[in-house]
Protein backbone atom coordinates (compact mmCIF):
# COMPACT_ATOMS: atom_id res chain seq x y z
CA MET A 1 31.31 -57.04 69.04
CA LYS A 2 30.19 -60.20 70.83
CA LYS A 3 32.33 -63.31 70.55
CA ILE A 4 30.45 -66.62 70.43
CA LYS A 5 31.50 -70.25 70.11
CA THR A 6 29.86 -73.25 68.52
CA PRO A 7 27.98 -75.36 69.19
CA LEU A 8 25.44 -72.80 70.38
CA ASP A 9 23.82 -73.17 73.77
CA GLU A 10 20.56 -71.73 75.06
CA SER A 11 22.28 -69.15 77.26
CA THR A 12 24.30 -67.70 74.36
CA ILE A 13 21.28 -67.57 72.06
CA LYS A 14 19.11 -65.79 74.64
CA LYS A 15 21.74 -63.08 75.21
CA LEU A 16 21.93 -62.13 71.54
CA GLU A 17 19.66 -59.41 70.14
CA ALA A 18 18.77 -58.46 66.60
CA GLY A 19 21.40 -56.06 65.31
CA ASP A 20 24.25 -57.38 67.50
CA PHE A 21 27.57 -57.75 65.71
CA VAL A 22 29.20 -61.10 66.47
CA GLU A 23 32.33 -63.08 65.72
CA ILE A 24 31.75 -66.82 65.51
CA THR A 25 34.49 -69.32 66.38
CA GLY A 26 34.18 -73.09 66.07
CA ILE A 27 32.62 -75.55 63.65
CA ILE A 28 29.81 -74.51 61.30
CA TYR A 29 28.33 -76.54 58.46
CA GLY A 30 28.02 -75.25 54.91
CA ALA A 31 24.95 -76.36 52.94
CA ARG A 32 22.79 -74.90 50.20
CA ASP A 33 19.56 -75.78 48.38
CA ALA A 34 20.43 -79.25 47.08
CA ALA A 35 21.78 -80.42 50.43
CA HIS A 36 18.70 -79.04 52.18
CA LYS A 37 16.48 -81.16 49.92
CA GLU A 38 18.49 -84.18 51.06
CA PHE A 39 18.19 -83.09 54.71
CA LEU A 40 14.39 -82.92 54.41
CA ARG A 41 14.31 -86.35 52.78
CA MET A 42 16.45 -87.73 55.64
CA ILE A 43 14.13 -86.22 58.27
CA GLU A 44 11.05 -87.63 56.54
CA LYS A 45 12.62 -91.12 56.34
CA GLY A 46 14.15 -91.02 59.84
CA GLU A 47 17.67 -91.42 58.46
CA LYS A 48 20.81 -90.44 60.34
CA PHE A 49 22.28 -87.04 59.49
CA PRO A 50 25.90 -86.58 58.37
CA PHE A 51 26.44 -84.48 61.53
CA ASP A 52 24.64 -83.97 64.84
CA LEU A 53 22.28 -81.01 64.34
CA LYS A 54 21.95 -80.20 68.03
CA GLY A 55 23.28 -76.72 68.74
CA GLN A 56 24.82 -76.36 65.29
CA ILE A 57 24.88 -73.55 62.73
CA ILE A 58 24.32 -74.09 59.02
CA TYR A 59 25.93 -71.51 56.73
CA TYR A 60 24.11 -71.11 53.42
CA VAL A 61 27.24 -71.28 51.28
CA GLY A 62 28.54 -73.02 48.18
CA PRO A 63 32.25 -72.22 48.03
CA THR A 64 34.01 -71.59 44.74
CA PRO A 65 36.92 -73.87 43.74
CA VAL A 66 39.89 -73.72 46.10
CA PRO A 67 42.78 -71.66 44.73
CA PRO A 68 46.29 -73.16 45.08
CA GLY A 69 47.54 -72.82 48.65
CA ALA A 70 44.15 -71.77 50.05
CA ILE A 71 41.85 -73.54 52.50
CA ILE A 72 38.62 -72.59 50.73
CA GLY A 73 37.53 -70.58 47.72
CA SER A 74 35.34 -67.53 47.90
CA CYS A 75 32.62 -68.33 50.43
CA GLY A 76 29.97 -65.66 50.56
CA PRO A 77 26.40 -66.28 51.74
CA THR A 78 23.56 -67.24 49.46
CA THR A 79 20.00 -65.94 49.73
CA SER A 80 18.46 -67.48 52.83
CA SER A 81 14.82 -67.38 51.75
CA ARG A 82 15.51 -70.24 49.34
CA MET A 83 15.99 -72.48 52.41
CA ASP A 84 12.81 -71.30 54.17
CA LYS A 85 10.70 -74.36 53.34
CA PHE A 86 13.40 -76.63 54.81
CA THR A 87 14.18 -74.60 57.92
CA PRO A 88 11.34 -75.39 60.39
CA PRO A 89 11.95 -79.18 60.26
CA LEU A 90 15.68 -78.64 60.76
CA LEU A 91 15.05 -76.38 63.75
CA GLN A 92 12.68 -78.97 65.19
CA ALA A 93 15.46 -81.57 64.78
CA GLY A 94 17.86 -79.46 66.87
CA LEU A 95 19.53 -76.95 64.55
CA LYS A 96 20.10 -73.69 66.47
CA GLY A 97 21.55 -71.24 64.00
CA MET A 98 21.74 -70.24 60.36
CA ILE A 99 24.00 -67.82 58.51
CA GLY A 100 22.96 -66.31 55.20
CA LYS A 101 21.75 -63.07 53.69
CA GLY A 102 18.36 -61.47 53.32
CA ILE A 103 14.90 -61.72 54.82
CA ARG A 104 13.18 -64.85 56.14
CA SER A 105 9.52 -65.86 55.98
CA GLU A 106 7.06 -65.49 58.84
CA LYS A 107 7.04 -69.30 59.22
CA VAL A 108 10.80 -69.30 59.74
CA LYS A 109 10.57 -66.44 62.26
CA GLU A 110 7.89 -68.36 64.16
CA ALA A 111 10.05 -71.51 64.14
CA ILE A 112 13.08 -69.54 65.37
CA VAL A 113 11.04 -68.36 68.37
CA LYS A 114 9.40 -71.75 68.96
CA TYR A 115 12.69 -73.69 68.95
CA GLY A 116 14.90 -71.03 70.57
CA ALA A 117 17.14 -70.52 67.55
CA ILE A 118 18.86 -67.59 65.85
CA TYR A 119 19.51 -66.29 62.35
CA PHE A 120 22.73 -64.51 61.46
CA VAL A 121 23.42 -62.49 58.34
CA THR A 122 26.85 -61.89 56.89
CA TYR A 123 28.23 -59.72 54.17
CA GLY A 124 27.05 -60.51 50.65
CA GLY A 125 29.52 -59.87 47.86
CA CYS A 126 32.45 -60.41 50.21
CA GLY A 127 33.18 -64.10 49.72
CA ALA A 128 36.93 -63.62 49.26
CA TYR A 129 37.05 -61.53 52.45
CA LEU A 130 35.02 -64.10 54.41
CA SER A 131 37.34 -66.92 53.30
CA GLN A 132 40.11 -65.52 55.51
CA PHE A 133 38.13 -66.52 58.62
CA VAL A 134 38.04 -70.20 57.53
CA LYS A 135 40.80 -72.25 59.13
CA GLU A 136 39.77 -75.75 57.98
CA CYS A 137 37.22 -77.08 55.50
CA GLU A 138 36.21 -80.54 54.34
CA ILE A 139 33.30 -82.09 52.48
CA ILE A 140 31.46 -84.48 54.80
CA ALA A 141 28.38 -85.44 52.75
CA PHE A 142 26.87 -85.39 49.27
CA SER A 143 30.18 -84.79 47.46
CA GLU A 144 28.34 -85.51 44.21
CA LEU A 145 26.59 -82.14 44.65
CA GLY A 146 29.84 -80.26 44.04
CA PRO A 147 29.72 -76.80 45.63
CA GLU A 148 26.33 -77.69 47.13
CA ALA A 149 27.82 -80.56 49.14
CA VAL A 150 27.84 -80.40 52.95
CA TYR A 151 31.00 -78.82 54.34
CA LYS A 152 32.41 -79.00 57.85
CA ILE A 153 34.05 -75.60 58.30
CA ARG A 154 36.17 -74.43 61.22
CA VAL A 155 36.03 -70.66 61.54
CA GLU A 156 37.75 -68.13 63.78
CA ASN A 157 36.13 -64.77 64.47
CA PHE A 158 33.77 -65.13 61.50
CA PRO A 159 31.86 -61.81 61.23
CA ALA A 160 28.08 -61.78 61.30
CA ILE A 161 25.10 -59.77 62.53
CA VAL A 162 22.11 -61.16 64.41
CA GLY A 163 19.35 -60.88 61.80
CA ILE A 164 16.55 -62.52 63.80
CA ASP A 165 16.94 -63.18 67.50
CA SER A 166 15.27 -65.87 69.60
CA LYS A 167 12.45 -63.47 70.51
CA GLY A 168 11.59 -62.93 66.84
CA ARG A 169 13.00 -59.42 66.52
CA ASP A 170 14.11 -58.96 62.92
CA ILE A 171 16.56 -56.33 61.60
CA TYR A 172 14.64 -56.26 58.34
CA SER A 173 11.49 -55.09 60.17
CA TYR A 174 12.94 -51.98 61.83
């Protein structure tokens, strides 16, 4: 198990290999399809992002409602391929990591290599389990999108697996 901290730096990314088990500690940003459409619009119009993308990780998540006394509701990953058309421009803008589930397109793999990024997968169907690694959570943008808003999430030892490393090796291609 490799322990990593956010924001990601080049040295950390280069050391990780497809198939490595990791625990992520620090700030990650939750965003799904609707927020990604807004991100692309912002890039195209040169607008300022709700957070600095450089070195950051976006988790493809739309948490369920927060139960009484909890920090976050169930927060399992959504299918990453739905974000594929938005991913290369985000990587070009400085994003360094993504967390989700499932395969990615060849264009995304090429962009991961080109921009020195990384793709993590985490456990689908385990949203309640994954919520225990969330220590703080707040909506920072697009609150009108409900669960598809942008979340700033502080995690400790969040479990993931390197799905595609910075050299383009992909666990789904083994």
